[in-house]
C-alpha atoms as a PDB file:
ATOM      1  CA  MET A   1       4.870 -41.541 -51.203  1.00  0.00           C
ATOM      2  CA  GLY A   2       8.565 -40.620 -52.350  1.00  0.00           C
ATOM      3  CA  SER A   3       9.923 -36.950 -52.970  1.00  0.00           C
ATOM      4  CA  LEU A   4      10.111 -38.018 -56.753  1.00  0.00           C
ATOM      5  CA  ASP A   5       6.706 -39.754 -56.930  1.00  0.00           C
ATOM      6  CA  GLU A   6       5.527 -40.002 -61.075  1.00  0.00           C
ATOM      7  CA  ARG A   7       8.867 -38.403 -61.684  1.00  0.00           C
ATOM      8  CA  VAL A   8      11.095 -39.890 -65.028  1.00  0.00           C
ATOM      9  CA  SER A   9      14.958 -39.406 -64.625  1.00  0.00           C
ATOM     10  CA  ILE A  10      17.466 -40.303 -66.915  1.00  0.00           C
ATOM     11  CA  VAL A  11      21.520 -41.030 -65.629  1.00  0.00           C
ATOM     12  CA  THR A  12      24.080 -40.815 -67.774  1.00  0.00           C
ATOM     13  CA  GLY A  13      27.024 -43.151 -67.029  1.00  0.00           C
ATOM     14  CA  GLY A  14      24.419 -45.159 -64.839  1.00  0.00           C
ATOM     15  CA  ALA A  15      25.569 -48.388 -64.924  1.00  0.00           C
ATOM     16  CA  GLY A  16      28.003 -48.127 -62.440  1.00  0.00           C
ATOM     17  CA  GLY A  17      29.912 -46.088 -59.653  1.00  0.00           C
ATOM     18  CA  ILE A  18      28.277 -43.094 -58.411  1.00  0.00           C
ATOM     19  CA  GLY A  19      26.323 -42.972 -61.607  1.00  0.00           C
ATOM     20  CA  ARG A  20      24.481 -46.338 -60.141  1.00  0.00           C
ATOM     21  CA  ALA A  21      23.988 -44.736 -56.700  1.00  0.00           C
ATOM     22  CA  TYR A  22      22.400 -41.684 -58.230  1.00  0.00           C
ATOM     23  CA  CYS A  23      19.921 -44.289 -60.020  1.00  0.00           C
ATOM     24  CA  LEU A  24      19.496 -46.228 -56.863  1.00  0.00           C
ATOM     25  CA  GLY A  25      18.586 -42.809 -54.889  1.00  0.00           C
ATOM     26  CA  LEU A  26      16.032 -41.720 -57.537  1.00  0.00           C
ATOM     27  CA  ALA A  27      14.015 -44.508 -58.026  1.00  0.00           C
ATOM     28  CA  ALA A  28      14.309 -45.194 -53.790  1.00  0.00           C
ATOM     29  CA  GLU A  29      12.144 -41.771 -53.853  1.00  0.00           C
ATOM     30  CA  GLY A  30       9.798 -42.305 -56.432  1.00  0.00           C
ATOM     31  CA  SER A  31      11.270 -41.896 -59.613  1.00  0.00           C
ATOM     32  CA  SER A  32      11.295 -44.141 -62.649  1.00  0.00           C
ATOM     33  CA  VAL A  33      14.481 -43.958 -63.501  1.00  0.00           C
ATOM     34  CA  VAL A  34      16.391 -44.704 -67.298  1.00  0.00           C
ATOM     35  CA  VAL A  35      20.186 -45.872 -67.028  1.00  0.00           C
ATOM     36  CA  ALA A  36      21.923 -44.411 -69.845  1.00  0.00           C
ATOM     37  CA  ASP A  37      25.561 -45.969 -70.501  1.00  0.00           C
ATOM     38  CA  MET A  38      27.883 -47.217 -72.601  1.00  0.00           C
ATOM     39  CA  ALA A  39      28.169 -50.224 -70.320  1.00  0.00           C
ATOM     40  CA  ASP A  40      24.749 -52.938 -69.421  1.00  0.00           C
ATOM     41  CA  GLY A  41      23.102 -50.892 -67.393  1.00  0.00           C
ATOM     42  CA  GLN A  42      20.289 -53.967 -66.975  1.00  0.00           C
ATOM     43  CA  PRO A  43      21.411 -54.361 -63.911  1.00  0.00           C
ATOM     44  CA  VAL A  44      21.045 -51.737 -61.878  1.00  0.00           C
ATOM     45  CA  VAL A  45      17.234 -51.621 -63.831  1.00  0.00           C
ATOM     46  CA  ASP A  46      17.130 -55.625 -62.072  1.00  0.00           C
ATOM     47  CA  GLU A  47      18.625 -54.142 -58.698  1.00  0.00           C
ATOM     48  CA  ILE A  48      15.825 -50.922 -58.823  1.00  0.00           C
ATOM     49  CA  GLU A  49      12.704 -53.565 -60.021  1.00  0.00           C
ATOM     50  CA  ALA A  50      13.849 -55.651 -57.142  1.00  0.00           C
ATOM     51  CA  ALA A  51      13.155 -52.863 -54.512  1.00  0.00           C
ATOM     52  CA  GLY A  52       9.839 -52.554 -56.414  1.00  0.00           C
ATOM     53  CA  GLY A  53      10.629 -49.566 -59.035  1.00  0.00           C
ATOM     54  CA  LYS A  54      10.804 -48.584 -62.644  1.00  0.00           C
ATOM     55  CA  GLY A  55      13.748 -48.702 -64.778  1.00  0.00           C
ATOM     56  CA  LEU A  56      15.302 -48.900 -68.281  1.00  0.00           C
ATOM     57  CA  ALA A  57      18.920 -49.462 -69.688  1.00  0.00           C
ATOM     58  CA  VAL A  58      19.512 -47.427 -72.854  1.00  0.00           C
ATOM     59  CA  PRO A  59      22.737 -47.555 -74.163  1.00  0.00           C
ATOM     60  CA  VAL A  60      24.146 -44.178 -75.342  1.00  0.00           C
ATOM     61  CA  ASP A  61      27.244 -42.476 -76.688  1.00  0.00           C
ATOM     62  CA  VAL A  62      26.872 -39.122 -74.527  1.00  0.00           C
ATOM     63  CA  SER A  63      28.986 -37.916 -77.440  1.00  0.00           C
ATOM     64  CA  ASP A  64      27.096 -38.689 -80.315  1.00  0.00           C
ATOM     65  CA  GLU A  65      24.467 -36.282 -81.246  1.00  0.00           C
ATOM     66  CA  ALA A  66      22.302 -39.274 -82.915  1.00  0.00           C
ATOM     67  CA  SER A  67      22.896 -41.531 -80.036  1.00  0.00           C
ATOM     68  CA  THR A  68      21.879 -38.967 -77.672  1.00  0.00           C
ATOM     69  CA  ARG A  69      18.656 -38.252 -79.307  1.00  0.00           C
ATOM     70  CA  ALA A  70      18.177 -42.146 -79.439  1.00  0.00           C
ATOM     71  CA  MET A  71      18.231 -42.084 -75.335  1.00  0.00           C
ATOM     72  CA  ALA A  72      15.507 -38.904 -75.259  1.00  0.00           C
ATOM     73  CA  GLN A  73      13.132 -40.463 -77.156  1.00  0.00           C
ATOM     74  CA  ALA A  74      13.567 -43.694 -75.710  1.00  0.00           C
ATOM     75  CA  ALA A  75      13.224 -42.394 -72.418  1.00  0.00           C
ATOM     76  CA  SER A  76      10.001 -40.595 -73.247  1.00  0.00           C
ATOM     77  CA  GLU A  77       8.774 -43.543 -75.347  1.00  0.00           C
ATOM     78  CA  HIS A  78       8.774 -45.848 -72.569  1.00  0.00           C
ATOM     79  CA  PHE A  79       7.639 -43.630 -69.708  1.00  0.00           C
ATOM     80  CA  GLY A  80       5.959 -40.951 -71.345  1.00  0.00           C
ATOM     81  CA  ARG A  81       7.931 -37.616 -70.007  1.00  0.00           C
ATOM     82  CA  ILE A  82      11.559 -36.883 -69.189  1.00  0.00           C
ATOM     83  CA  ASP A  83      11.830 -34.651 -65.788  1.00  0.00           C
ATOM     84  CA  VAL A  84      15.063 -34.961 -64.340  1.00  0.00           C
ATOM     85  CA  LEU A  85      18.573 -34.916 -66.541  1.00  0.00           C
ATOM     86  CA  VAL A  86      21.454 -36.304 -64.402  1.00  0.00           C
ATOM     87  CA  ASN A  87      24.836 -35.442 -66.634  1.00  0.00           C
ATOM     88  CA  ASN A  88      26.824 -38.092 -64.832  1.00  0.00           C
ATOM     89  CA  ALA A  89      28.933 -39.714 -67.647  1.00  0.00           C
ATOM     90  CA  ALA A  90      32.652 -38.509 -67.648  1.00  0.00           C
ATOM     91  CA  TYR A  91      35.644 -39.083 -68.910  1.00  0.00           C
ATOM     92  CA  PHE A  92      37.999 -39.454 -65.605  1.00  0.00           C
ATOM     93  CA  LYS A  93      39.226 -42.864 -64.714  1.00  0.00           C
ATOM     94  CA  GLN A  94      40.871 -43.522 -68.172  1.00  0.00           C
ATOM     95  CA  VAL A  95      42.774 -39.633 -68.208  1.00  0.00           C
ATOM     96  CA  THR A  96      46.714 -39.611 -68.444  1.00  0.00           C
ATOM     97  CA  ARG A  97      48.201 -37.362 -66.056  1.00  0.00           C
ATOM     98  CA  GLY A  98      51.253 -35.814 -66.310  1.00  0.00           C
ATOM     99  CA  PRO A  99      52.481 -31.970 -67.337  1.00  0.00           C
ATOM    100  CA  TRP A 100      50.449 -30.009 -68.799  1.00  0.00           C
ATOM    101  CA  HIS A 101      52.664 -29.028 -72.367  1.00  0.00           C
ATOM    102  CA  GLU A 102      52.868 -33.149 -72.570  1.00  0.00           C
ATOM    103  CA  ILE A 103      48.889 -33.815 -73.013  1.00  0.00           C
ATOM    104  CA  ASP A 104      48.520 -35.170 -76.262  1.00  0.00           C
ATOM    105  CA  VAL A 105      45.996 -33.371 -78.398  1.00  0.00           C
ATOM    106  CA  ASP A 106      43.566 -36.810 -78.689  1.00  0.00           C
ATOM    107  CA  GLU A 107      43.145 -37.094 -75.476  1.00  0.00           C
ATOM    108  CA  TRP A 108      42.488 -32.993 -74.442  1.00  0.00           C
ATOM    109  CA  ASP A 109      40.139 -33.559 -77.548  1.00  0.00           C
ATOM    110  CA  ARG A 110      38.528 -36.872 -75.669  1.00  0.00           C
ATOM    111  CA  ALA A 111      37.996 -35.104 -72.425  1.00  0.00           C
ATOM    112  CA  PHE A 112      35.878 -32.114 -74.234  1.00  0.00           C
ATOM    113  CA  ALA A 113      33.779 -34.361 -76.223  1.00  0.00           C
ATOM    114  CA  VAL A 114      33.037 -36.120 -72.708  1.00  0.00           C
ATOM    115  CA  ASN A 115      32.569 -34.305 -69.903  1.00  0.00           C
ATOM    116  CA  VAL A 116      31.784 -31.168 -72.274  1.00  0.00           C
ATOM    117  CA  ARG A 117      30.147 -31.615 -75.484  1.00  0.00           C
ATOM    118  CA  GLY A 118      28.313 -34.659 -73.600  1.00  0.00           C
ATOM    119  CA  VAL A 119      26.493 -32.968 -71.131  1.00  0.00           C
ATOM    120  CA  TRP A 120      25.246 -30.309 -73.876  1.00  0.00           C
ATOM    121  CA  LEU A 121      23.819 -32.982 -76.506  1.00  0.00           C
ATOM    122  CA  CYS A 122      22.466 -34.507 -73.626  1.00  0.00           C
ATOM    123  CA  SER A 123      20.684 -31.468 -72.457  1.00  0.00           C
ATOM    124  CA  ARG A 124      19.971 -30.489 -75.917  1.00  0.00           C
ATOM    125  CA  ALA A 125      17.879 -33.889 -76.564  1.00  0.00           C
ATOM    126  CA  VAL A 126      16.282 -33.631 -73.483  1.00  0.00           C
ATOM    127  CA  TYR A 127      15.516 -29.791 -73.913  1.00  0.00           C
ATOM    128  CA  ARG A 128      12.140 -30.392 -76.324  1.00  0.00           C
ATOM    129  CA  PHE A 129      10.218 -33.268 -74.030  1.00  0.00           C
ATOM    130  CA  MET A 130      10.873 -30.630 -70.818  1.00  0.00           C
ATOM    131  CA  LYS A 131       9.709 -27.619 -72.828  1.00  0.00           C
ATOM    132  CA  GLU A 132       6.672 -29.112 -74.171  1.00  0.00           C
ATOM    133  CA  GLN A 133       5.380 -30.139 -70.822  1.00  0.00           C
ATOM    134  CA  GLY A 134       6.355 -26.659 -69.135  1.00  0.00           C
ATOM    135  CA  TYR A 135       9.468 -28.141 -66.571  1.00  0.00           C
ATOM    136  CA  GLY A 136      12.553 -29.812 -65.864  1.00  0.00           C
ATOM    137  CA  LYS A 137      15.701 -30.555 -64.285  1.00  0.00           C
ATOM    138  CA  ILE A 138      19.258 -30.626 -65.664  1.00  0.00           C
ATOM    139  CA  ILE A 139      22.009 -31.750 -62.820  1.00  0.00           C
ATOM    140  CA  ASN A 140      25.531 -31.615 -64.188  1.00  0.00           C
ATOM    141  CA  ILE A 141      28.537 -33.349 -62.517  1.00  0.00           C
ATOM    142  CA  SER A 142      31.644 -31.604 -62.209  1.00  0.00           C
ATOM    143  CA  SER A 143      34.422 -31.601 -59.376  1.00  0.00           C
ATOM    144  CA  ASN A 144      36.243 -30.519 -56.714  1.00  0.00           C
ATOM    145  CA  THR A 145      39.734 -30.347 -58.879  1.00  0.00           C
ATOM    146  CA  VAL A 146      38.099 -27.133 -60.719  1.00  0.00           C
ATOM    147  CA  TRP A 147      38.105 -24.918 -57.336  1.00  0.00           C
ATOM    148  CA  LYS A 148      41.457 -26.914 -55.821  1.00  0.00           C
ATOM    149  CA  GLY A 149      43.352 -26.134 -59.405  1.00  0.00           C
ATOM    150  CA  VAL A 150      44.510 -29.721 -59.094  1.00  0.00           C
ATOM    151  CA  PRO A 151      47.846 -30.329 -61.157  1.00  0.00           C
ATOM    152  CA  MET A 152      49.160 -32.682 -63.998  1.00  0.00           C
ATOM    153  CA  PHE A 153      45.085 -33.048 -64.452  1.00  0.00           C
ATOM    154  CA  LEU A 154      45.131 -30.159 -66.747  1.00  0.00           C
ATOM    155  CA  HIS A 155      42.607 -31.035 -69.533  1.00  0.00           C
ATOM    156  CA  TYR A 156      40.504 -33.016 -67.530  1.00  0.00           C
ATOM    157  CA  VAL A 157      39.963 -29.774 -64.603  1.00  0.00           C
ATOM    158  CA  THR A 158      39.419 -27.643 -67.170  1.00  0.00           C
ATOM    159  CA  SER A 159      36.563 -29.665 -69.104  1.00  0.00           C
ATOM    160  CA  LYS A 160      35.132 -29.447 -65.798  1.00  0.00           C
ATOM    161  CA  ALA A 161      35.439 -26.122 -64.782  1.00  0.00           C
ATOM    162  CA  ALA A 162      33.490 -25.267 -68.507  1.00  0.00           C
ATOM    163  CA  LEU A 163      30.067 -27.366 -67.012  1.00  0.00           C
ATOM    164  CA  THR A 164      30.118 -23.998 -64.468  1.00  0.00           C
ATOM    165  CA  GLY A 165      29.678 -21.509 -67.192  1.00  0.00           C
ATOM    166  CA  LEU A 166      27.580 -23.810 -69.056  1.00  0.00           C
ATOM    167  CA  THR A 167      25.434 -24.359 -65.882  1.00  0.00           C
ATOM    168  CA  ARG A 168      25.135 -20.854 -66.049  1.00  0.00           C
ATOM    169  CA  SER A 169      24.449 -19.762 -68.707  1.00  0.00           C
ATOM    170  CA  LEU A 170      21.920 -22.488 -70.015  1.00  0.00           C
ATOM    171  CA  ALA A 171      19.918 -21.856 -67.114  1.00  0.00           C
ATOM    172  CA  ARG A 172      19.501 -17.891 -68.101  1.00  0.00           C
ATOM    173  CA  GLU A 173      17.939 -19.843 -71.844  1.00  0.00           C
ATOM    174  CA  VAL A 174      15.543 -21.874 -70.439  1.00  0.00           C
ATOM    175  CA  GLY A 175      14.410 -20.162 -67.543  1.00  0.00           C
ATOM    176  CA  ASP A 176      11.244 -19.383 -68.960  1.00  0.00           C
ATOM    177  CA  ASP A 177      10.901 -22.961 -69.965  1.00  0.00           C
ATOM    178  CA  ASN A 178      10.277 -23.256 -65.930  1.00  0.00           C
ATOM    179  CA  ILE A 179      13.378 -25.995 -66.526  1.00  0.00           C
ATOM    180  CA  SER A 180      16.531 -25.405 -63.896  1.00  0.00           C
ATOM    181  CA  VAL A 181      19.745 -26.111 -64.993  1.00  0.00           C
ATOM    182  CA  ASN A 182      22.612 -26.603 -62.102  1.00  0.00           C
ATOM    183  CA  THR A 183      26.098 -28.156 -60.903  1.00  0.00           C
ATOM    184  CA  VAL A 184      26.988 -30.159 -58.157  1.00  0.00           C
ATOM    185  CA  ALA A 185      30.964 -30.889 -57.176  1.00  0.00           C
ATOM    186  CA  PRO A 186      31.782 -34.057 -55.527  1.00  0.00           C
ATOM    187  CA  ASP A 187      35.493 -34.618 -54.104  1.00  0.00           C
ATOM    188  CA  PHE A 188      37.413 -37.489 -54.769  1.00  0.00           C
ATOM    189  CA  ILE A 189      35.359 -40.447 -54.157  1.00  0.00           C
ATOM    190  CA  PRO A 190      37.671 -43.919 -54.745  1.00  0.00           C
ATOM    191  CA  ASP A 191      36.566 -46.970 -55.900  1.00  0.00           C
ATOM    192  CA  ASP A 192      38.682 -50.381 -55.137  1.00  0.00           C
ATOM    193  CA  ASP A 193      40.884 -50.097 -57.764  1.00  0.00           C
ATOM    194  CA  MET A 194      41.530 -46.395 -56.991  1.00  0.00           C
ATOM    195  CA  LEU A 195      42.383 -46.967 -53.059  1.00  0.00           C
ATOM    196  CA  ARG A 196      44.913 -49.965 -54.210  1.00  0.00           C
ATOM    197  CA  THR A 197      46.708 -47.787 -56.467  1.00  0.00           C
ATOM    198  CA  ARG A 198      46.254 -44.350 -54.912  1.00  0.00           C
ATOM    199  CA  GLY A 199      45.670 -45.114 -51.303  1.00  0.00           C
ATOM    200  CA  ASN A 200      47.690 -42.277 -50.255  1.00  0.00           C
ATOM    201  CA  HIS A 201      45.764 -39.813 -52.014  1.00  0.00           C
ATOM    202  CA  SER A 202      42.980 -40.827 -50.595  1.00  0.00           C
ATOM    203  CA  ASP A 203      44.469 -40.106 -47.589  1.00  0.00           C
ATOM    204  CA  GLU A 204      45.635 -36.516 -48.377  1.00  0.00           C
ATOM    205  CA  VAL A 205      42.367 -35.389 -49.393  1.00  0.00           C
ATOM    206  CA  ILE A 206      40.472 -36.761 -46.399  1.00  0.00           C
ATOM    207  CA  ALA A 207      43.115 -34.297 -44.220  1.00  0.00           C
ATOM    208  CA  GLN A 208      41.303 -31.223 -46.505  1.00  0.00           C
ATOM    209  CA  ARG A 209      38.279 -31.811 -45.110  1.00  0.00           C
ATOM    210  CA  ALA A 210      36.298 -30.869 -41.851  1.00  0.00           C
ATOM    211  CA  PHE A 211      35.152 -34.558 -41.786  1.00  0.00           C
ATOM    212  CA  LYS A 212      38.160 -36.849 -41.618  1.00  0.00           C
ATOM    213  CA  ARG A 213      36.141 -39.842 -43.455  1.00  0.00           C
ATOM    214  CA  MET A 214      36.257 -41.148 -46.734  1.00  0.00           C
ATOM    215  CA  GLN A 215      33.584 -39.814 -49.441  1.00  0.00           C
ATOM    216  CA  THR A 216      31.482 -42.324 -50.402  1.00  0.00           C
ATOM    217  CA  ALA A 217      28.606 -42.134 -53.760  1.00  0.00           C
ATOM    218  CA  ASP A 218      26.196 -42.319 -51.307  1.00  0.00           C
ATOM    219  CA  ASP A 219      27.081 -39.032 -50.107  1.00  0.00           C
ATOM    220  CA  MET A 220      26.242 -37.389 -53.147  1.00  0.00           C
ATOM    221  CA  VAL A 221      22.448 -38.732 -53.332  1.00  0.00           C
ATOM    222  CA  GLY A 222      20.865 -36.592 -51.129  1.00  0.00           C
ATOM    223  CA  THR A 223      22.222 -33.749 -52.974  1.00  0.00           C
ATOM    224  CA  ILE A 224      20.789 -35.378 -56.405  1.00  0.00           C
ATOM    225  CA  VAL A 225      17.832 -36.097 -55.044  1.00  0.00           C
ATOM    226  CA  PHE A 226      16.720 -32.380 -53.106  1.00  0.00           C
ATOM    227  CA  LEU A 227      17.680 -31.196 -56.960  1.00  0.00           C
ATOM    228  CA  ALA A 228      15.838 -33.114 -58.894  1.00  0.00           C
ATOM    229  CA  GLY A 229      12.747 -32.351 -56.512  1.00  0.00           C
ATOM    230  CA  PRO A 230      10.285 -29.716 -56.174  1.00  0.00           C
ATOM    231  CA  GLY A 231      12.197 -28.546 -53.112  1.00  0.00           C
ATOM    232  CA  SER A 232      14.654 -27.277 -55.283  1.00  0.00           C
ATOM    233  CA  ASP A 233      11.796 -25.226 -58.060  1.00  0.00           C
ATOM    234  CA  PHE A 234      13.463 -21.867 -57.069  1.00  0.00           C
ATOM    235  CA  ILE A 235      17.278 -22.871 -57.511  1.00  0.00           C
ATOM    236  CA  THR A 236      19.067 -22.503 -60.836  1.00  0.00           C
ATOM    237  CA  GLY A 237      22.674 -21.490 -61.706  1.00  0.00           C
ATOM    238  CA  GLN A 238      24.638 -22.750 -59.174  1.00  0.00           C
ATOM    239  CA  SER A 239      27.041 -24.730 -58.178  1.00  0.00           C
ATOM    240  CA  ILE A 240      26.903 -26.876 -55.346  1.00  0.00           C
ATOM    241  CA  LEU A 241      30.030 -28.442 -53.776  1.00  0.00           C
ATOM    242  CA  VAL A 242      29.590 -32.113 -51.927  1.00  0.00           C
ATOM    243  CA  ASN A 243      32.870 -31.872 -50.027  1.00  0.00           C
ATOM    244  CA  GLY A 244      32.794 -32.756 -46.621  1.00  0.00           C
ATOM    245  CA  GLY A 245      34.249 -29.278 -46.041  1.00  0.00           C
ATOM    246  CA  ALA A 246      37.470 -29.376 -48.203  1.00  0.00           C
ATOM    247  CA  PHE A 247      39.549 -26.178 -47.893  1.00  0.00           C
ATOM    248  CA  PHE A 248      41.623 -25.682 -50.623  1.00  0.00           C
ATOM    249  CA  GLN A 249      45.303 -24.834 -50.612  1.00  0.00           C
END
């Protein structure tokens, strides 16, 4: 028996990286998982099914209203319900860093279209299904850059900061529907490309933690599973920092 047996979870940006870890972690606890991504999510579904779980790959552009509605409808039609939404898809790796006054307006708008509007649209798309069943979990993925005030990254940091307000306000609006809304903020979790190009940055980040090691995607899974499950049913409107005890300078 898993802690998420009979539940259905949607993970946006689930086809790779941290999103893939969320998908596999939720499935390992018994949840059926919708791998929603612009990239092909079928390889992750194949991993889930090879381990005895249930999955469904659904293409989605989180910044597009019609696409998010189609995602929710596909999940409901295939599995019969939607219990959990993990708003993981983000505009991050593509971001151009630089002084705040030199950020291109189109890039600023793109960061907000994915990181803020996308969270709102996906949450709105699943809302009617959660409301009808009288239960739901919305988990938004923010970033420790908000608390650190990371420079040369203003559009990304600001968009992730917006999720704190979105989470707290939305939690109050959907509380009567027995839907919880929380935010989880990871620290820097590099992939292989980041390690090659930003290795020194990784060392700097590690030095600022109580646990002096690299953070991995698996370090996030326990918190996501907890917030998706019954043990967190009285927790809503909160921001949880999963950062190895990072202190902010």
